[in-house]
Amino acid sequence: MRLVLAKTAPGKYRANVRAHWLVFRSDYEVLLDGEERARVLRLRGIQNVRPIFGGPYRYDAVVMHTGFTMRYDSRYDRGKVELAR
């Protein structure tokens, strides 16, 4: 999985995602709502992808100065992406 995150407006973010599943590849965009408290940014969003890739994906992420963690969940797939400084 590849993810590029950008702030688009106050409290709004866009994640460009490239996901691989078996022999398939899918590129899509996820719009996320963000809320920052005590220097921790929490992001949430849902993106509908093709049913063959699991249908709706739900995303929950935490961004801190020490790193980034995102959990995702769909009908066929779930996992976690972590980046650390």
Protein backbone atom coordinates (compact mmCIF):
# COMPACT_ATOMS: atom_id res chain seq x y z
CA MET A 1 0.00 0.00 0.00
CA ARG A 2 1.14 3.52 -0.82
CA LEU A 3 -0.47 6.59 0.71
CA VAL A 4 0.08 10.31 0.11
CA LEU A 5 -1.68 12.59 2.61
CA ALA A 6 -2.50 16.29 1.99
CA LYS A 7 -4.47 18.90 3.92
CA THR A 8 -7.13 20.44 1.67
CA ALA A 9 -8.96 22.76 4.10
CA PRO A 10 -9.23 23.23 7.87
CA GLY A 11 -10.19 19.80 9.26
CA LYS A 12 -10.22 18.18 5.79
CA TYR A 13 -7.58 15.89 4.28
CA ARG A 14 -7.13 13.86 1.12
CA ALA A 15 -5.27 10.56 0.95
CA ASN A 16 -4.23 9.18 -2.42
CA VAL A 17 -3.96 5.42 -2.01
CA ARG A 18 -2.47 2.71 -4.21
CA ALA A 19 -3.41 -0.74 -2.94
CA HIS A 20 -2.40 -4.18 -4.16
CA TRP A 21 -4.57 -7.23 -3.59
CA LEU A 22 -3.49 -10.54 -5.11
CA VAL A 23 -2.72 -9.65 -8.75
CA PHE A 24 -4.91 -6.50 -8.76
CA ARG A 25 -3.92 -2.90 -8.22
CA SER A 26 -6.30 -0.09 -7.36
CA ASP A 27 -5.71 3.67 -7.14
CA TYR A 28 -8.25 5.77 -5.30
CA GLU A 29 -8.72 8.89 -3.24
CA VAL A 30 -10.05 8.99 0.32
CA LEU A 31 -11.47 12.14 1.88
CA LEU A 32 -10.78 12.26 5.60
CA ASP A 33 -12.11 14.41 8.42
CA GLY A 34 -9.46 15.48 10.90
CA GLU A 35 -9.43 16.76 14.43
CA GLU A 36 -6.29 17.94 16.20
CA ARG A 37 -5.93 17.94 19.99
CA ALA A 38 -2.77 18.20 22.04
CA ARG A 39 -0.56 17.97 18.91
CA VAL A 40 -2.22 14.70 17.83
CA LEU A 41 -4.20 14.64 14.58
CA ARG A 42 -6.94 12.01 14.30
CA LEU A 43 -8.34 11.23 10.85
CA ARG A 44 -11.41 9.21 9.81
CA GLY A 45 -13.02 8.41 6.52
CA ILE A 46 -14.85 5.87 4.39
CA GLN A 47 -14.20 5.21 0.72
CA ASN A 48 -16.21 2.99 -1.58
CA VAL A 49 -13.99 0.94 -3.87
CA ARG A 50 -14.97 -1.69 -6.39
CA PRO A 51 -16.81 -4.62 -4.78
CA ILE A 52 -14.14 -7.02 -6.02
CA PHE A 53 -11.69 -5.15 -3.74
CA GLY A 54 -13.96 -5.31 -0.69
CA GLY A 55 -16.46 -2.50 -1.12
CA PRO A 56 -16.37 0.27 1.51
CA TYR A 57 -13.05 0.75 3.30
CA ARG A 58 -13.04 2.47 6.68
CA TYR A 59 -9.95 4.39 7.73
CA ASP A 60 -8.83 5.60 11.16
CA ALA A 61 -5.46 7.29 11.49
CA VAL A 62 -3.34 9.04 14.10
CA VAL A 63 -0.59 11.49 13.13
CA MET A 64 1.95 12.58 15.76
CA HIS A 65 5.40 14.14 15.58
CA THR A 66 6.84 10.65 16.17
CA GLY A 67 4.97 8.92 13.35
CA PHE A 68 1.79 7.89 11.61
CA THR A 69 -0.54 4.92 12.19
CA MET A 70 -3.54 4.08 10.04
CA ARG A 71 -5.93 1.17 10.39
CA TYR A 72 -8.17 0.12 7.53
CA ASP A 73 -11.00 -2.36 7.32
CA SER A 74 -13.25 -3.74 4.57
CA ARG A 75 -15.17 -6.91 3.83
CA TYR A 76 -12.10 -8.78 2.51
CA ASP A 77 -9.16 -6.92 3.95
CA ARG A 78 -7.99 -5.22 7.10
CA GLY A 79 -4.66 -4.05 8.31
CA LYS A 80 -2.44 -1.35 9.69
CA VAL A 81 0.12 0.99 8.15
CA GLU A 82 2.78 2.45 10.43
CA LEU A 83 5.48 5.00 9.75
CA ALA A 84 7.94 6.16 12.39
CA ARG A 85 10.58 8.86 12.51
